[in-house]
Amino acid sequence: TRITMTPPWDDPVVLHVVEAVEGELFVDEARFG
């Protein structure tokens, strides 16, 4: 799943959820070049 997050006064950042284990952890990645 893709999450698009926009910080105040900045460009959107695209995060990709690469792992999600309910009740334990999730891992996201952002790629810039």
Full PDB file with SEQRES, HELIX, SHEET, SSBOND, CRYST1, ORIGX, SCALE, CONECT and MASTER records, all heavy atoms in Angstrom:
SEQRES   1 A   33  THR ARG ILE THR MET THR PRO PRO TRP ASP ASP PRO VAL          
SEQRES   2 A   33  VAL LEU HIS VAL VAL GLU ALA VAL GLU GLY GLU LEU PHE          
SEQRES   3 A   33  VAL ASP GLU ALA ARG PHE GLY                                  
SHEET    1 AA1 3 ARG A   2  MET A   5  0                                        
SHEET    2 AA1 3 VAL A  13  VAL A  21 -1                                        
SHEET    3 AA1 3 LEU A  25  GLU A  29 -1                                        
CRYST1    1.000    1.000    1.000  90.00  90.00  90.00 P 1           1          
ORIGX1      1.000000  0.000000  0.000000        0.00000                         
ORIGX2      0.000000  1.000000  0.000000        0.00000                         
ORIGX3      0.000000  0.000000  1.000000        0.00000                         
SCALE1      1.000000  0.000000  0.000000        0.00000                         
SCALE2      0.000000  1.000000  0.000000        0.00000                         
SCALE3      0.000000  0.000000  1.000000        0.00000                         
ATOM      1  N   THR A   1       0.827  -1.197   0.000  1.00  0.00           N  
ATOM      2  CA  THR A   1       0.000   0.000   0.000  1.00  0.00           C  
ATOM      3  C   THR A   1       0.865   1.253   0.000  1.00  0.00           C  
ATOM      4  O   THR A   1       1.930   1.283   0.605  1.00  0.00           O  
ATOM      5  CB  THR A   1      -0.937  -0.014   1.228  1.00  0.00           C  
ATOM      6  OG1 THR A   1      -1.788  -1.148   1.127  1.00  0.00           O  
ATOM      7  CG2 THR A   1      -1.773   1.246   1.305  1.00  0.00           C  
ATOM      8  N   ARG A   2       0.377   2.274  -0.703  1.00  0.00           N  
ATOM      9  CA  ARG A   2       1.095   3.546  -0.795  1.00  0.00           C  
ATOM     10  C   ARG A   2       0.423   4.569   0.123  1.00  0.00           C  
ATOM     11  O   ARG A   2      -0.793   4.697   0.152  1.00  0.00           O  
ATOM     12  CB  ARG A   2       1.073   4.057  -2.233  1.00  0.00           C  
ATOM     13  CG  ARG A   2       1.904   5.321  -2.448  1.00  0.00           C  
ATOM     14  CD  ARG A   2       1.799   5.846  -3.866  1.00  0.00           C  
ATOM     15  NE  ARG A   2       0.496   6.461  -4.065  1.00  0.00           N  
ATOM     16  CZ  ARG A   2      -0.447   5.998  -4.891  1.00  0.00           C  
ATOM     17  NH1 ARG A   2      -0.245   4.936  -5.615  1.00  0.00           N  
ATOM     18  NH2 ARG A   2      -1.600   6.630  -5.009  1.00  0.00           N  
ATOM     19  N   ILE A   3       1.253   5.308   0.861  1.00  0.00           N  
ATOM     20  CA  ILE A   3       0.794   6.407   1.705  1.00  0.00           C  
ATOM     21  C   ILE A   3       1.461   7.675   1.193  1.00  0.00           C  
ATOM     22  O   ILE A   3       2.680   7.711   1.026  1.00  0.00           O  
ATOM     23  CB  ILE A   3       1.172   6.170   3.190  1.00  0.00           C  
ATOM     24  CG1 ILE A   3       0.491   4.907   3.723  1.00  0.00           C  
ATOM     25  CG2 ILE A   3       0.814   7.392   4.039  1.00  0.00           C  
ATOM     26  CD1 ILE A   3       0.987   4.472   5.098  1.00  0.00           C  
ATOM     27  N   THR A   4       0.663   8.691   0.916  1.00  0.00           N  
ATOM     28  CA  THR A   4       1.206   9.983   0.498  1.00  0.00           C  
ATOM     29  C   THR A   4       1.020  10.950   1.651  1.00  0.00           C  
ATOM     30  O   THR A   4      -0.112  11.242   2.052  1.00  0.00           O  
ATOM     31  CB  THR A   4       0.505  10.496  -0.769  1.00  0.00           C  
ATOM     32  OG1 THR A   4       0.611   9.503  -1.790  1.00  0.00           O  
ATOM     33  CG2 THR A   4       1.143  11.796  -1.246  1.00  0.00           C  
ATOM     34  N   MET A   5       2.132  11.415   2.187  1.00  0.00           N  
ATOM     35  CA  MET A   5       2.131  12.274   3.367  1.00  0.00           C  
ATOM     36  C   MET A   5       2.717  13.636   2.984  1.00  0.00           C  
ATOM     37  O   MET A   5       3.800  13.706   2.412  1.00  0.00           O  
ATOM     38  CB  MET A   5       2.982  11.613   4.459  1.00  0.00           C  
ATOM     39  CG  MET A   5       3.022  12.358   5.752  1.00  0.00           C  
ATOM     40  SD  MET A   5       3.852  11.412   7.060  1.00  0.00           S  
ATOM     41  CE  MET A   5       5.511  11.297   6.413  1.00  0.00           C  
ATOM     42  N   THR A   6       1.995  14.691   3.329  1.00  0.00           N  
ATOM     43  CA  THR A   6       2.473  16.032   3.038  1.00  0.00           C  
ATOM     44  C   THR A   6       2.776  16.756   4.346  1.00  0.00           C  
ATOM     45  O   THR A   6       1.869  17.030   5.131  1.00  0.00           O  
ATOM     46  CB  THR A   6       1.430  16.838   2.239  1.00  0.00           C  
ATOM     47  OG1 THR A   6       1.069  16.098   1.068  1.00  0.00           O  
ATOM     48  CG2 THR A   6       1.977  18.197   1.828  1.00  0.00           C  
ATOM     49  N   PRO A   7       4.056  17.038   4.602  1.00  0.00           N  
ATOM     50  CA  PRO A   7       4.417  17.828   5.783  1.00  0.00           C  
ATOM     51  C   PRO A   7       4.058  19.298   5.548  1.00  0.00           C  
ATOM     52  O   PRO A   7       3.936  19.734   4.405  1.00  0.00           O  
ATOM     53  CB  PRO A   7       5.943  17.675   5.880  1.00  0.00           C  
ATOM     54  CG  PRO A   7       6.325  16.645   4.878  1.00  0.00           C  
ATOM     55  CD  PRO A   7       5.218  16.548   3.879  1.00  0.00           C  
ATOM     56  N   PRO A   8       3.882  20.069   6.619  1.00  0.00           N  
ATOM     57  CA  PRO A   8       3.595  21.494   6.443  1.00  0.00           C  
ATOM     58  C   PRO A   8       4.700  22.174   5.621  1.00  0.00           C  
ATOM     59  O   PRO A   8       5.879  21.916   5.845  1.00  0.00           O  
ATOM     60  CB  PRO A   8       3.566  22.037   7.875  1.00  0.00           C  
ATOM     61  CG  PRO A   8       3.343  20.844   8.741  1.00  0.00           C  
ATOM     62  CD  PRO A   8       3.952  19.680   8.019  1.00  0.00           C  
ATOM     63  N   TRP A   9       4.298  22.974   4.678  1.00  0.00           N  
ATOM     64  CA  TRP A   9       5.225  23.774   3.866  1.00  0.00           C  
ATOM     65  C   TRP A   9       6.259  22.934   3.128  1.00  0.00           C  
ATOM     66  O   TRP A   9       7.396  23.346   2.939  1.00  0.00           O  
ATOM     67  CB  TRP A   9       5.928  24.836   4.716  1.00  0.00           C  
ATOM     68  CG  TRP A   9       4.977  25.659   5.494  1.00  0.00           C  
ATOM     69  CD1 TRP A   9       4.151  26.632   4.988  1.00  0.00           C  
ATOM     70  CD2 TRP A   9       4.704  25.590   6.878  1.00  0.00           C  
ATOM     71  NE1 TRP A   9       3.394  27.163   5.991  1.00  0.00           N  
ATOM     72  CE2 TRP A   9       3.717  26.543   7.178  1.00  0.00           C  
ATOM     73  CE3 TRP A   9       5.194  24.818   7.911  1.00  0.00           C  
ATOM     74  CZ2 TRP A   9       3.211  26.735   8.445  1.00  0.00           C  
ATOM     75  CZ3 TRP A   9       4.689  25.003   9.183  1.00  0.00           C  
ATOM     76  CH2 TRP A   9       3.715  25.949   9.433  1.00  0.00           C  
ATOM     77  N   ASP A  10       5.881  21.729   2.707  1.00  0.00           N  
ATOM     78  CA  ASP A  10       6.827  20.893   1.972  1.00  0.00           C  
ATOM     79  C   ASP A  10       6.074  20.083   0.924  1.00  0.00           C  
ATOM     80  O   ASP A  10       4.849  20.049   0.898  1.00  0.00           O  
ATOM     81  CB  ASP A  10       7.568  19.956   2.932  1.00  0.00           C  
ATOM     82  CG  ASP A  10       8.978  19.624   2.447  1.00  0.00           C  
ATOM     83  OD1 ASP A  10       9.260  19.826   1.247  1.00  0.00           O  
ATOM     84  OD2 ASP A  10       9.778  19.160   3.265  1.00  0.00           O  
ATOM     85  N   ASP A  11       6.838  19.436   0.045  1.00  0.00           N  
ATOM     86  CA  ASP A  11       6.251  18.595  -0.989  1.00  0.00           C  
ATOM     87  C   ASP A  11       5.787  17.266  -0.397  1.00  0.00           C  
ATOM     88  O   ASP A  11       6.326  16.808   0.622  1.00  0.00           O  
ATOM     89  CB  ASP A  11       7.292  18.321  -2.086  1.00  0.00           C  
ATOM     90  CG  ASP A  11       7.678  19.573  -2.849  1.00  0.00           C  
ATOM     91  OD1 ASP A  11       6.814  20.473  -2.989  1.00  0.00           O  
ATOM     92  OD2 ASP A  11       8.833  19.652  -3.304  1.00  0.00           O  
ATOM     93  N   PRO A  12       4.819  16.622  -1.042  1.00  0.00           N  
ATOM     94  CA  PRO A  12       4.362  15.316  -0.573  1.00  0.00           C  
ATOM     95  C   PRO A  12       5.500  14.286  -0.617  1.00  0.00           C  
ATOM     96  O   PRO A  12       6.376  14.340  -1.480  1.00  0.00           O  
ATOM     97  CB  PRO A  12       3.270  14.932  -1.576  1.00  0.00           C  
ATOM     98  CG  PRO A  12       2.854  16.204  -2.221  1.00  0.00           C  
ATOM     99  CD  PRO A  12       4.069  17.085  -2.207  1.00  0.00           C  
ATOM    100  N   VAL A  13       5.454  13.353   0.322  1.00  0.00           N  
ATOM    101  CA  VAL A  13       6.406  12.242   0.393  1.00  0.00           C  
ATOM    102  C   VAL A  13       5.599  10.971   0.208  1.00  0.00           C  
ATOM    103  O   VAL A  13       4.583  10.763   0.884  1.00  0.00           O  
ATOM    104  CB  VAL A  13       7.125  12.221   1.758  1.00  0.00           C  
ATOM    105  CG1 VAL A  13       8.027  11.003   1.870  1.00  0.00           C  
ATOM    106  CG2 VAL A  13       7.904  13.506   1.974  1.00  0.00           C  
ATOM    107  N   VAL A  14       6.040  10.124  -0.721  1.00  0.00           N  
ATOM    108  CA  VAL A  14       5.362   8.861  -0.968  1.00  0.00           C  
ATOM    109  C   VAL A  14       6.070   7.761  -0.187  1.00  0.00           C  
ATOM    110  O   VAL A  14       7.277   7.557  -0.331  1.00  0.00           O  
ATOM    111  CB  VAL A  14       5.325   8.523  -2.476  1.00  0.00           C  
ATOM    112  CG1 VAL A  14       4.695   7.154  -2.698  1.00  0.00           C  
ATOM    113  CG2 VAL A  14       4.566   9.601  -3.243  1.00  0.00           C  
ATOM    114  N   LEU A  15       5.303   7.085   0.658  1.00  0.00           N  
ATOM    115  CA  LEU A  15       5.798   5.965   1.441  1.00  0.00           C  
ATOM    116  C   LEU A  15       5.131   4.692   0.928  1.00  0.00           C  
ATOM    117  O   LEU A  15       3.947   4.713   0.570  1.00  0.00           O  
ATOM    118  CB  LEU A  15       5.432   6.123   2.919  1.00  0.00           C  
ATOM    119  CG  LEU A  15       5.838   7.415   3.611  1.00  0.00           C  
ATOM    120  CD1 LEU A  15       5.190   7.499   4.991  1.00  0.00           C  
ATOM    121  CD2 LEU A  15       7.344   7.488   3.728  1.00  0.00           C  
ATOM    122  N   HIS A  16       5.876   3.614   0.901  1.00  0.00           N  
ATOM    123  CA  HIS A  16       5.319   2.318   0.547  1.00  0.00           C  
ATOM    124  C   HIS A  16       5.424   1.415   1.768  1.00  0.00           C  
ATOM    125  O   HIS A  16       6.512   1.257   2.329  1.00  0.00           O  
ATOM    126  CB  HIS A  16       6.074   1.699  -0.635  1.00  0.00           C  
ATOM    127  CG  HIS A  16       5.896   2.467  -1.891  1.00  0.00           C  
ATOM    128  ND1 HIS A  16       4.810   2.290  -2.728  1.00  0.00           N  
ATOM    129  CD2 HIS A  16       6.625   3.451  -2.450  1.00  0.00           C  
ATOM    130  CE1 HIS A  16       4.900   3.123  -3.749  1.00  0.00           C  
ATOM    131  NE2 HIS A  16       5.992   3.840  -3.599  1.00  0.00           N  
ATOM    132  N   VAL A  17       4.293   0.850   2.187  1.00  0.00           N  
ATOM    133  CA  VAL A  17       4.315  -0.114   3.272  1.00  0.00           C  
ATOM    134  C   VAL A  17       4.915  -1.395   2.699  1.00  0.00           C  
ATOM    135  O   VAL A  17       4.397  -1.941   1.727  1.00  0.00           O  
ATOM    136  CB  VAL A  17       2.902  -0.372   3.842  1.00  0.00           C  
ATOM    137  CG1 VAL A  17       2.948  -1.423   4.939  1.00  0.00           C  
ATOM    138  CG2 VAL A  17       2.288   0.925   4.356  1.00  0.00           C  
ATOM    139  N   VAL A  18       6.041  -1.831   3.268  1.00  0.00           N  
ATOM    140  CA  VAL A  18       6.704  -3.032   2.756  1.00  0.00           C  
ATOM    141  C   VAL A  18       6.494  -4.237   3.660  1.00  0.00           C  
ATOM    142  O   VAL A  18       6.719  -5.375   3.246  1.00  0.00           O  
ATOM    143  CB  VAL A  18       8.218  -2.803   2.497  1.00  0.00           C  
ATOM    144  CG1 VAL A  18       8.410  -1.776   1.392  1.00  0.00           C  
ATOM    145  CG2 VAL A  18       8.949  -2.392   3.748  1.00  0.00           C  
ATOM    146  N   GLU A  19       6.031  -3.986   4.892  1.00  0.00           N  
ATOM    147  CA  GLU A  19       5.719  -5.070   5.809  1.00  0.00           C  
ATOM    148  C   GLU A  19       4.738  -4.550   6.841  1.00  0.00           C  
ATOM    149  O   GLU A  19       4.852  -3.419   7.297  1.00  0.00           O  
ATOM    150  CB  GLU A  19       6.994  -5.567   6.498  1.00  0.00           C  
ATOM    151  CG  GLU A  19       6.804  -6.754   7.406  1.00  0.00           C  
ATOM    152  CD  GLU A  19       8.097  -7.268   8.022  1.00  0.00           C  
ATOM    153  OE1 GLU A  19       9.167  -6.662   7.801  1.00  0.00           O  
ATOM    154  OE2 GLU A  19       8.013  -8.276   8.735  1.00  0.00           O  
ATOM    155  N   ALA A  20       3.770  -5.396   7.205  1.00  0.00           N  
ATOM    156  CA  ALA A  20       2.815  -5.053   8.253  1.00  0.00           C  
ATOM    157  C   ALA A  20       2.405  -6.334   8.963  1.00  0.00           C  
ATOM    158  O   ALA A  20       1.873  -7.246   8.335  1.00  0.00           O  
ATOM    159  CB  ALA A  20       1.595  -4.352   7.668  1.00  0.00           C  
ATOM    160  N   VAL A  21       2.691  -6.387  10.254  1.00  0.00           N  
ATOM    161  CA  VAL A  21       2.318  -7.534  11.083  1.00  0.00           C  
ATOM    162  C   VAL A  21       1.425  -6.991  12.195  1.00  0.00           C  
ATOM    163  O   VAL A  21       1.900  -6.261  13.071  1.00  0.00           O  
ATOM    164  CB  VAL A  21       3.563  -8.245  11.676  1.00  0.00           C  
ATOM    165  CG1 VAL A  21       3.137  -9.423  12.540  1.00  0.00           C  
ATOM    166  CG2 VAL A  21       4.524  -8.674  10.581  1.00  0.00           C  
ATOM    167  N   GLU A  22       0.155  -7.330  12.130  1.00  0.00           N  
ATOM    168  CA  GLU A  22      -0.837  -6.768  13.040  1.00  0.00           C  
ATOM    169  C   GLU A  22      -0.411  -6.895  14.500  1.00  0.00           C  
ATOM    170  O   GLU A  22      -0.014  -7.953  14.964  1.00  0.00           O  
ATOM    171  CB  GLU A  22      -2.187  -7.457  12.851  1.00  0.00           C  
ATOM    172  CG  GLU A  22      -3.277  -6.831  13.676  1.00  0.00           C  
ATOM    173  CD  GLU A  22      -4.653  -7.426  13.398  1.00  0.00           C  
ATOM    174  OE1 GLU A  22      -4.823  -8.081  12.361  1.00  0.00           O  
ATOM    175  OE2 GLU A  22      -5.531  -7.219  14.241  1.00  0.00           O  
ATOM    176  N   GLY A  23      -0.476  -5.759  15.196  1.00  0.00           N  
ATOM    177  CA  GLY A  23      -0.168  -5.722  16.615  1.00  0.00           C  
ATOM    178  C   GLY A  23       1.312  -5.758  16.950  1.00  0.00           C  
ATOM    179  O   GLY A  23       1.683  -5.715  18.115  1.00  0.00           O  
ATOM    180  N   GLU A  24       2.172  -5.824  15.921  1.00  0.00           N  
ATOM    181  CA  GLU A  24       3.612  -5.949  16.164  1.00  0.00           C  
ATOM    182  C   GLU A  24       4.460  -4.878  15.497  1.00  0.00           C  
ATOM    183  O   GLU A  24       5.267  -4.236  16.148  1.00  0.00           O  
ATOM    184  CB  GLU A  24       4.112  -7.315  15.702  1.00  0.00           C  
ATOM    185  CG  GLU A  24       3.569  -8.470  16.498  1.00  0.00           C  
ATOM    186  CD  GLU A  24       4.088  -9.804  16.003  1.00  0.00           C  
ATOM    187  OE1 GLU A  24       5.192  -9.839  15.399  1.00  0.00           O  
ATOM    188  OE2 GLU A  24       3.395 -10.812  16.208  1.00  0.00           O  
ATOM    189  N   LEU A  25       4.299  -4.705  14.175  1.00  0.00           N  
ATOM    190  CA  LEU A  25       5.178  -3.770  13.477  1.00  0.00           C  
ATOM    191  C   LEU A  25       4.661  -3.443  12.100  1.00  0.00           C  
ATOM    192  O   LEU A  25       3.850  -4.158  11.535  1.00  0.00           O  
ATOM    193  CB  LEU A  25       6.596  -4.330  13.358  1.00  0.00           C  
ATOM    194  CG  LEU A  25       6.846  -5.548  12.464  1.00  0.00           C  
ATOM    195  CD1 LEU A  25       7.103  -5.155  11.030  1.00  0.00           C  
ATOM    196  CD2 LEU A  25       8.028  -6.335  12.980  1.00  0.00           C  
ATOM    197  N   PHE A  26       5.141  -2.317  11.593  1.00  0.00           N  
ATOM    198  CA  PHE A  26       5.030  -2.048  10.164  1.00  0.00           C  
ATOM    199  C   PHE A  26       6.289  -1.324   9.734  1.00  0.00           C  
ATOM    200  O   PHE A  26       6.975  -0.674  10.521  1.00  0.00           O  
ATOM    201  CB  PHE A  26       3.742  -1.283   9.800  1.00  0.00           C  
ATOM    202  CG  PHE A  26       3.766   0.202  10.029  1.00  0.00           C  
ATOM    203  CD1 PHE A  26       4.106   1.084   9.013  1.00  0.00           C  
ATOM    204  CD2 PHE A  26       3.407   0.731  11.263  1.00  0.00           C  
ATOM    205  CE1 PHE A  26       4.101   2.454   9.224  1.00  0.00           C  
ATOM    206  CE2 PHE A  26       3.393   2.095  11.483  1.00  0.00           C  
ATOM    207  CZ  PHE A  26       3.739   2.959  10.467  1.00  0.00           C  
ATOM    208  N   VAL A  27       6.619  -1.514   8.456  1.00  0.00           N  
ATOM    209  CA  VAL A  27       7.819  -0.933   7.869  1.00  0.00           C  
ATOM    210  C   VAL A  27       7.395  -0.176   6.621  1.00  0.00           C  
ATOM    211  O   VAL A  27       6.627  -0.695   5.803  1.00  0.00           O  
ATOM    212  CB  VAL A  27       8.855  -2.026   7.498  1.00  0.00           C  
ATOM    213  CG1 VAL A  27      10.096  -1.405   6.892  1.00  0.00           C  
ATOM    214  CG2 VAL A  27       9.187  -2.888   8.716  1.00  0.00           C  
ATOM    215  N   ASP A  28       7.877   1.059   6.498  1.00  0.00           N  
ATOM    216  CA  ASP A  28       7.624   1.808   5.270  1.00  0.00           C  
ATOM    217  C   ASP A  28       8.943   2.262   4.661  1.00  0.00           C  
ATOM    218  O   ASP A  28       9.960   2.354   5.351  1.00  0.00           O  
ATOM    219  CB  ASP A  28       6.682   2.988   5.503  1.00  0.00           C  
ATOM    220  CG  ASP A  28       7.253   4.058   6.417  1.00  0.00           C  
ATOM    221  OD1 ASP A  28       8.327   4.608   6.110  1.00  0.00           O  
ATOM    222  OD2 ASP A  28       6.619   4.357   7.444  1.00  0.00           O  
ATOM    223  N   GLU A  29       8.892   2.492   3.362  1.00  0.00           N  
ATOM    224  CA  GLU A  29      10.074   2.975   2.639  1.00  0.00           C  
ATOM    225  C   GLU A  29       9.695   4.155   1.770  1.00  0.00           C  
ATOM    226  O   GLU A  29       8.627   4.190   1.175  1.00  0.00           O  
ATOM    227  CB  GLU A  29      10.643   1.887   1.727  1.00  0.00           C  
ATOM    228  CG  GLU A  29      11.330   0.774   2.433  1.00  0.00           C  
ATOM    229  CD  GLU A  29      11.965  -0.231   1.489  1.00  0.00           C  
ATOM    230  OE1 GLU A  29      11.766  -0.150   0.251  1.00  0.00           O  
ATOM    231  OE2 GLU A  29      12.677  -1.110   1.996  1.00  0.00           O  
ATOM    232  N   ALA A  30      10.601   5.112   1.709  1.00  0.00           N  
ATOM    233  CA  ALA A  30      10.515   6.224   0.763  1.00  0.00           C  
ATOM    234  C   ALA A  30      11.775   6.165  -0.081  1.00  0.00           C  
ATOM    235  O   ALA A  30      12.874   5.914   0.442  1.00  0.00           O  
ATOM    236  CB  ALA A  30      10.420   7.555   1.501  1.00  0.00           C  
ATOM    237  N   ARG A  31      11.627   6.369  -1.363  1.00  0.00           N  
ATOM    238  CA  ARG A  31      12.781   6.320  -2.271  1.00  0.00           C  
ATOM    239  C   ARG A  31      12.973   7.694  -2.911  1.00  0.00           C  
ATOM    240  O   ARG A  31      12.019   8.301  -3.398  1.00  0.00           O  
ATOM    241  CB  ARG A  31      12.584   5.263  -3.338  1.00  0.00           C  
ATOM    242  CG  ARG A  31      12.562   3.858  -2.756  1.00  0.00           C  
ATOM    243  CD  ARG A  31      12.380   2.791  -3.825  1.00  0.00           C  
ATOM    244  NE  ARG A  31      12.427   1.480  -3.209  1.00  0.00           N  
ATOM    245  CZ  ARG A  31      13.532   0.744  -3.075  1.00  0.00           C  
ATOM    246  NH1 ARG A  31      14.667   1.189  -3.547  1.00  0.00           N  
ATOM    247  NH2 ARG A  31      13.486  -0.431  -2.490  1.00  0.00           N  
ATOM    248  N   PHE A  32      14.215   8.133  -2.878  1.00  0.00           N  
ATOM    249  CA  PHE A  32      14.604   9.397  -3.504  1.00  0.00           C  
ATOM    250  C   PHE A  32      15.829   9.093  -4.345  1.00  0.00           C  
ATOM    251  O   PHE A  32      16.946   9.043  -3.821  1.00  0.00           O  
ATOM    252  CB  PHE A  32      14.913  10.466  -2.455  1.00  0.00           C  
ATOM    253  CG  PHE A  32      13.734  10.780  -1.565  1.00  0.00           C  
ATOM    254  CD1 PHE A  32      13.579  10.129  -0.348  1.00  0.00           C  
ATOM    255  CD2 PHE A  32      12.777  11.699  -1.952  1.00  0.00           C  
ATOM    256  CE1 PHE A  32      12.499  10.398   0.473  1.00  0.00           C  
ATOM    257  CE2 PHE A  32      11.691  11.975  -1.139  1.00  0.00           C  
ATOM    258  CZ  PHE A  32      11.550  11.328   0.066  1.00  0.00           C  
ATOM    259  N   GLY A  33      15.626   8.858  -5.637  1.00  0.00           N  
ATOM    260  CA  GLY A  33      16.740   8.454  -6.494  1.00  0.00           C  
ATOM    261  C   GLY A  33      17.311   7.137  -6.009  1.00  0.00           C  
ATOM    262  O   GLY A  33      16.580   6.159  -5.839  1.00  0.00           O  
TER     263      GLY A  33                                                      
MASTER        0    0    0    0    3    0    0    6  262    1    0    3          
END                                                                             
